Amino acid sequence: MPAASSTSTIAWFSDLGLADIDQVGGKNASLGEMIQKLHGAGVAVPNGFAVSVVAYWDFVEANGLQKKIAATLDEYKQGRQSLTEVGQAIRTEFLNGDLPAARGCDSEPTPTMRPKPSNG
C-alpha cells in the first residue's frame, strides 16, 4: 500500500516502498524499500525524507522554472555557456525559488527538518 498520497508534499523514507514510485520517484522509493528490508538485518541506511512529485512540480510552476531552465539549456546548446555554468545557473534558480503554499497544509514550511526518530 503506498505511503505517500497524491497530495502529500513530503514522506519519510521509512514510510516508503516501491509502490510509491509514482509519488516520489524511483530513487526515493528505493531508499525507503532499503530501510524497510535491511533495517532488520542490521544494515544501517540513514533515514530522510522525499519531496513528492506533486510538490516538486508545484515549486517549478510557482517559480516559472520550466522556461528559465529551457532558456538556460539553450545557452549551453548554442555554446554560450559551459555545462558547469548552466548547472550552477539552474541550481541557483532552484535555491532562490519561493516555496508555494503546501497542499492541505496550514503551517509555513520550516527552514530545517529534524530527522524522524528511528524505531530501532
N, C-alpha and C. Protein backbone atom coordinates (compact mmCIF):
# COMPACT_ATOMS: atom_id res chain seq x y z
N MET A 1 0.84 -1.18 0.00
CA MET A 1 0.00 0.00 0.00
C MET A 1 0.89 1.25 0.00
N PRO A 2 0.71 2.16 -0.93
CA PRO A 2 1.56 3.33 -0.99
C PRO A 2 1.44 4.19 0.27
N ALA A 3 2.59 4.68 0.75
CA ALA A 3 2.61 5.52 1.95
C ALA A 3 2.41 6.99 1.62
N ALA A 4 2.76 7.38 0.41
CA ALA A 4 2.64 8.78 0.02
C ALA A 4 1.34 8.96 -0.75
N SER A 5 0.53 9.91 -0.32
CA SER A 5 -0.70 10.17 -1.05
C SER A 5 -0.42 11.15 -2.18
N SER A 6 -1.34 11.28 -3.10
CA SER A 6 -1.13 12.16 -4.24
C SER A 6 -1.11 13.62 -3.84
N THR A 7 -1.50 13.95 -2.61
CA THR A 7 -1.47 15.34 -2.16
C THR A 7 -0.39 15.58 -1.10
N SER A 8 0.35 14.56 -0.69
CA SER A 8 1.43 14.73 0.29
C SER A 8 2.55 15.54 -0.33
N THR A 9 3.20 16.35 0.49
CA THR A 9 4.34 17.10 -0.03
C THR A 9 5.67 16.44 0.34
N ILE A 10 5.73 15.79 1.49
CA ILE A 10 6.92 15.02 1.86
C ILE A 10 6.48 13.69 2.46
N ALA A 11 7.39 12.75 2.43
CA ALA A 11 7.17 11.46 3.09
C ALA A 11 8.53 10.96 3.58
N TRP A 12 8.54 10.38 4.76
CA TRP A 12 9.78 9.81 5.31
C TRP A 12 10.16 8.58 4.51
N PHE A 13 11.46 8.40 4.27
CA PHE A 13 11.93 7.21 3.55
C PHE A 13 11.42 5.94 4.21
N SER A 14 11.41 5.92 5.55
CA SER A 14 11.00 4.70 6.26
C SER A 14 9.53 4.36 6.03
N ASP A 15 8.77 5.31 5.50
CA ASP A 15 7.35 5.07 5.21
C ASP A 15 7.12 4.74 3.74
N LEU A 16 8.18 4.70 2.96
CA LEU A 16 8.06 4.49 1.52
C LEU A 16 8.51 3.11 1.09
N GLY A 17 8.00 2.69 -0.05
CA GLY A 17 8.41 1.45 -0.67
C GLY A 17 8.26 1.57 -2.17
N LEU A 18 8.50 0.48 -2.86
CA LEU A 18 8.45 0.51 -4.32
C LEU A 18 7.07 0.87 -4.86
N ALA A 19 6.03 0.66 -4.07
CA ALA A 19 4.68 1.03 -4.51
C ALA A 19 4.51 2.55 -4.60
N ASP A 20 5.49 3.31 -4.09
CA ASP A 20 5.39 4.77 -4.06
C ASP A 20 6.17 5.46 -5.18
N ILE A 21 6.66 4.70 -6.14
CA ILE A 21 7.47 5.29 -7.22
C ILE A 21 6.75 6.43 -7.91
N ASP A 22 5.47 6.29 -8.20
CA ASP A 22 4.73 7.35 -8.90
C ASP A 22 4.62 8.62 -8.07
N GLN A 23 4.67 8.52 -6.75
CA GLN A 23 4.52 9.70 -5.90
C GLN A 23 5.84 10.38 -5.55
N VAL A 24 6.93 9.60 -5.47
CA VAL A 24 8.20 10.19 -5.01
C VAL A 24 9.40 9.85 -5.89
N GLY A 25 9.19 9.11 -6.95
CA GLY A 25 10.30 8.74 -7.84
C GLY A 25 11.00 7.48 -7.40
N GLY A 26 11.75 6.92 -8.32
CA GLY A 26 12.39 5.63 -8.09
C GLY A 26 13.47 5.62 -7.03
N LYS A 27 14.33 6.64 -7.02
CA LYS A 27 15.43 6.66 -6.05
C LYS A 27 14.89 6.76 -4.62
N ASN A 28 13.93 7.65 -4.40
CA ASN A 28 13.35 7.81 -3.06
C ASN A 28 12.61 6.55 -2.62
N ALA A 29 11.83 5.97 -3.52
CA ALA A 29 11.10 4.74 -3.18
C ALA A 29 12.08 3.61 -2.87
N SER A 30 13.18 3.54 -3.62
CA SER A 30 14.18 2.50 -3.38
C SER A 30 14.87 2.68 -2.03
N LEU A 31 15.15 3.93 -1.65
CA LEU A 31 15.73 4.18 -0.33
C LEU A 31 14.77 3.72 0.77
N GLY A 32 13.50 4.00 0.59
CA GLY A 32 12.51 3.54 1.56
C GLY A 32 12.46 2.03 1.64
N GLU A 33 12.50 1.39 0.50
CA GLU A 33 12.49 -0.07 0.44
C GLU A 33 13.71 -0.64 1.15
N MET A 34 14.88 -0.03 0.93
CA MET A 34 16.10 -0.49 1.58
C MET A 34 16.00 -0.36 3.09
N ILE A 35 15.48 0.77 3.56
CA ILE A 35 15.33 0.96 5.01
C ILE A 35 14.42 -0.11 5.59
N GLN A 36 13.29 -0.36 4.94
CA GLN A 36 12.34 -1.34 5.44
C GLN A 36 12.90 -2.76 5.42
N LYS A 37 13.59 -3.12 4.35
CA LYS A 37 14.06 -4.50 4.19
C LYS A 37 15.37 -4.78 4.91
N LEU A 38 16.26 -3.78 5.01
CA LEU A 38 17.59 -4.03 5.55
C LEU A 38 17.76 -3.68 7.02
N HIS A 39 16.84 -2.87 7.57
CA HIS A 39 16.96 -2.47 8.98
C HIS A 39 16.97 -3.70 9.89
N GLY A 40 16.09 -4.63 9.63
CA GLY A 40 16.01 -5.84 10.46
C GLY A 40 17.23 -6.73 10.34
N ALA A 41 17.98 -6.59 9.25
CA ALA A 41 19.19 -7.38 9.04
C ALA A 41 20.43 -6.68 9.62
N GLY A 42 20.22 -5.54 10.26
CA GLY A 42 21.32 -4.83 10.89
C GLY A 42 22.07 -3.89 9.97
N VAL A 43 21.57 -3.68 8.77
CA VAL A 43 22.22 -2.76 7.84
C VAL A 43 21.69 -1.36 8.10
N ALA A 44 22.59 -0.43 8.37
CA ALA A 44 22.18 0.95 8.67
C ALA A 44 22.01 1.74 7.38
N VAL A 45 20.80 2.17 7.13
CA VAL A 45 20.50 3.05 6.00
C VAL A 45 19.94 4.33 6.61
N PRO A 46 20.61 5.47 6.39
CA PRO A 46 20.13 6.71 7.01
C PRO A 46 18.72 7.06 6.57
N ASN A 47 17.90 7.51 7.51
CA ASN A 47 16.55 7.94 7.19
C ASN A 47 16.62 9.36 6.63
N GLY A 48 15.59 9.76 6.00
CA GLY A 48 15.48 11.10 5.44
C GLY A 48 14.07 11.25 4.90
N PHE A 49 13.87 12.25 4.09
CA PHE A 49 12.54 12.44 3.53
C PHE A 49 12.61 12.70 2.04
N ALA A 50 11.52 12.40 1.38
CA ALA A 50 11.39 12.61 -0.05
C ALA A 50 10.39 13.72 -0.30
N VAL A 51 10.69 14.55 -1.26
CA VAL A 51 9.74 15.56 -1.72
C VAL A 51 8.91 14.89 -2.80
N SER A 52 7.60 15.02 -2.70
CA SER A 52 6.73 14.35 -3.66
C SER A 52 6.83 14.99 -5.04
N VAL A 53 6.45 14.23 -6.04
CA VAL A 53 6.41 14.72 -7.41
C VAL A 53 5.47 15.92 -7.49
N VAL A 54 4.34 15.85 -6.80
CA VAL A 54 3.38 16.95 -6.79
C VAL A 54 4.02 18.22 -6.23
N ALA A 55 4.74 18.10 -5.11
CA ALA A 55 5.38 19.27 -4.51
C ALA A 55 6.47 19.83 -5.41
N TYR A 56 7.24 18.95 -6.05
CA TYR A 56 8.29 19.39 -6.96
C TYR A 56 7.69 20.22 -8.10
N TRP A 57 6.66 19.69 -8.76
CA TRP A 57 6.06 20.42 -9.89
C TRP A 57 5.34 21.68 -9.44
N ASP A 58 4.77 21.68 -8.23
CA ASP A 58 4.18 22.91 -7.69
C ASP A 58 5.25 23.99 -7.55
N PHE A 59 6.42 23.60 -7.06
CA PHE A 59 7.54 24.52 -6.88
C PHE A 59 8.02 25.04 -8.24
N VAL A 60 8.21 24.13 -9.19
CA VAL A 60 8.67 24.51 -10.52
C VAL A 60 7.69 25.49 -11.16
N GLU A 61 6.41 25.17 -11.08
CA GLU A 61 5.38 26.03 -11.69
C GLU A 61 5.30 27.39 -11.01
N ALA A 62 5.30 27.39 -9.67
CA ALA A 62 5.17 28.63 -8.91
C ALA A 62 6.32 29.60 -9.18
N ASN A 63 7.48 29.07 -9.56
CA ASN A 63 8.65 29.90 -9.78
C ASN A 63 9.01 30.08 -11.25
N GLY A 64 8.13 29.60 -12.13
CA GLY A 64 8.38 29.75 -13.57
C GLY A 64 9.68 29.11 -14.03
N LEU A 65 10.04 28.00 -13.40
CA LEU A 65 11.35 27.40 -13.67
C LEU A 65 11.44 26.68 -15.01
N GLN A 66 10.35 26.17 -15.55
CA GLN A 66 10.44 25.45 -16.83
C GLN A 66 11.00 26.35 -17.92
N LYS A 67 10.50 27.55 -18.03
CA LYS A 67 11.00 28.48 -19.06
C LYS A 67 12.44 28.90 -18.77
N LYS A 68 12.76 29.12 -17.50
CA LYS A 68 14.12 29.52 -17.13
C LYS A 68 15.12 28.41 -17.42
N ILE A 69 14.73 27.17 -17.13
CA ILE A 69 15.61 26.03 -17.39
C ILE A 69 15.80 25.86 -18.89
N ALA A 70 14.72 25.94 -19.65
CA ALA A 70 14.80 25.80 -21.10
C ALA A 70 15.71 26.87 -21.70
N ALA A 71 15.57 28.11 -21.25
CA ALA A 71 16.41 29.20 -21.76
C ALA A 71 17.87 28.98 -21.41
N THR A 72 18.12 28.52 -20.20
CA THR A 72 19.49 28.27 -19.76
C THR A 72 20.11 27.13 -20.55
N LEU A 73 19.35 26.07 -20.80
CA LEU A 73 19.86 24.96 -21.60
C LEU A 73 20.13 25.38 -23.04
N ASP A 74 19.34 26.29 -23.56
CA ASP A 74 19.58 26.83 -24.90
C ASP A 74 20.94 27.53 -24.96
N GLU A 75 21.30 28.23 -23.89
CA GLU A 75 22.61 28.89 -23.82
C GLU A 75 23.72 27.84 -23.98
N TYR A 76 23.55 26.71 -23.35
CA TYR A 76 24.54 25.62 -23.45
C TYR A 76 24.56 25.05 -24.86
N LYS A 77 23.37 24.75 -25.38
CA LYS A 77 23.29 24.16 -26.72
C LYS A 77 23.90 25.06 -27.79
N GLN A 78 23.80 26.37 -27.58
CA GLN A 78 24.35 27.32 -28.55
C GLN A 78 25.81 27.67 -28.27
N GLY A 79 26.40 27.01 -27.26
CA GLY A 79 27.82 27.20 -26.97
C GLY A 79 28.16 28.48 -26.24
N ARG A 80 27.16 29.16 -25.68
CA ARG A 80 27.43 30.42 -24.99
C ARG A 80 27.76 30.22 -23.51
N GLN A 81 27.42 29.06 -22.96
CA GLN A 81 27.76 28.75 -21.58
C GLN A 81 28.22 27.31 -21.50
N SER A 82 29.11 27.05 -20.55
CA SER A 82 29.58 25.68 -20.33
C SER A 82 28.54 24.90 -19.53
N LEU A 83 28.69 23.59 -19.52
CA LEU A 83 27.79 22.75 -18.74
C LEU A 83 27.86 23.11 -17.26
N THR A 84 29.06 23.42 -16.78
CA THR A 84 29.23 23.83 -15.38
C THR A 84 28.46 25.11 -15.08
N GLU A 85 28.55 26.08 -15.98
CA GLU A 85 27.84 27.34 -15.79
C GLU A 85 26.33 27.15 -15.82
N VAL A 86 25.88 26.32 -16.73
CA VAL A 86 24.44 26.06 -16.86
C VAL A 86 23.93 25.34 -15.61
N GLY A 87 24.67 24.34 -15.16
CA GLY A 87 24.27 23.62 -13.95
C GLY A 87 24.18 24.53 -12.75
N GLN A 88 25.16 25.41 -12.60
CA GLN A 88 25.15 26.36 -11.49
C GLN A 88 23.98 27.33 -11.60
N ALA A 89 23.70 27.80 -12.81
CA ALA A 89 22.59 28.74 -13.00
C ALA A 89 21.26 28.09 -12.65
N ILE A 90 21.07 26.84 -13.04
CA ILE A 90 19.81 26.14 -12.75
C ILE A 90 19.70 25.88 -11.25
N ARG A 91 20.79 25.45 -10.62
CA ARG A 91 20.77 25.25 -9.16
C ARG A 91 20.42 26.55 -8.45
N THR A 92 20.97 27.65 -8.90
CA THR A 92 20.69 28.95 -8.29
C THR A 92 19.21 29.31 -8.41
N GLU A 93 18.61 29.03 -9.55
CA GLU A 93 17.18 29.29 -9.74
C GLU A 93 16.36 28.50 -8.71
N PHE A 94 16.72 27.23 -8.49
CA PHE A 94 16.00 26.42 -7.51
C PHE A 94 16.22 26.97 -6.10
N LEU A 95 17.45 27.32 -5.77
CA LEU A 95 17.75 27.82 -4.43
C LEU A 95 17.08 29.16 -4.15
N ASN A 96 16.89 29.96 -5.17
CA ASN A 96 16.27 31.27 -5.00
C ASN A 96 14.75 31.23 -5.11
N GLY A 97 14.20 30.08 -5.42
CA GLY A 97 12.75 29.95 -5.57
C GLY A 97 12.03 30.07 -4.24
N ASP A 98 10.78 30.47 -4.32
CA ASP A 98 9.92 30.56 -3.14
C ASP A 98 9.05 29.32 -3.05
N LEU A 99 8.89 28.81 -1.84
CA LEU A 99 8.03 27.65 -1.64
C LEU A 99 6.57 28.08 -1.73
N PRO A 100 5.82 27.43 -2.59
CA PRO A 100 4.39 27.74 -2.65
C PRO A 100 3.69 27.15 -1.43
N ALA A 101 2.50 27.61 -1.15
CA ALA A 101 1.73 27.04 -0.04
C ALA A 101 1.55 25.55 -0.28
N ALA A 102 1.80 24.77 0.75
CA ALA A 102 1.68 23.32 0.63
C ALA A 102 0.21 22.93 0.53
N ARG A 103 -0.07 21.96 -0.29
CA ARG A 103 -1.44 21.48 -0.42
C ARG A 103 -1.89 20.85 0.89
N GLY A 104 -3.00 21.30 1.39
CA GLY A 104 -3.56 20.72 2.60
C GLY A 104 -2.74 21.00 3.85
N CYS A 105 -1.93 22.04 3.82
CA CYS A 105 -1.06 22.35 4.96
C CYS A 105 -1.33 23.78 5.41
N ASP A 106 -1.66 23.98 6.68
CA ASP A 106 -1.96 25.30 7.20
C ASP A 106 -0.73 26.02 7.74
N SER A 107 0.37 25.29 7.94
CA SER A 107 1.56 25.91 8.53
C SER A 107 2.57 26.24 7.45
N GLU A 108 3.44 27.18 7.77
CA GLU A 108 4.51 27.57 6.87
C GLU A 108 5.60 26.50 6.91
N PRO A 109 6.29 26.27 5.79
CA PRO A 109 7.40 25.32 5.82
C PRO A 109 8.52 25.84 6.71
N THR A 110 9.22 24.93 7.37
CA THR A 110 10.33 25.32 8.24
C THR A 110 11.62 25.23 7.45
N PRO A 111 12.63 26.05 7.80
CA PRO A 111 13.87 26.05 7.05
C PRO A 111 14.72 24.80 7.28
N THR A 112 14.48 24.08 8.36
CA THR A 112 15.24 22.86 8.62
C THR A 112 14.28 21.73 8.96
N MET A 113 14.72 20.54 8.70
CA MET A 113 13.93 19.36 9.04
C MET A 113 14.72 18.55 10.04
N ARG A 114 14.09 18.15 11.11
CA ARG A 114 14.74 17.28 12.09
C ARG A 114 14.47 15.83 11.67
N PRO A 115 15.47 14.96 11.84
CA PRO A 115 15.26 13.57 11.46
C PRO A 115 14.12 12.94 12.25
N LYS A 116 13.38 12.09 11.58
CA LYS A 116 12.32 11.33 12.24
C LYS A 116 13.00 10.35 13.20
N PRO A 117 12.50 10.23 14.42
CA PRO A 117 13.11 9.26 15.35
C PRO A 117 13.07 7.86 14.77
N SER A 118 14.15 7.13 14.95
CA SER A 118 14.19 5.75 14.42
C SER A 118 13.41 4.83 15.34
N ASN A 119 12.95 3.74 14.77
CA ASN A 119 12.19 2.75 15.53
C ASN A 119 13.10 1.65 16.05
N GLY A 120 14.41 1.83 15.92
CA GLY A 120 15.35 0.78 16.30
C GLY A 120 16.06 1.13 17.49
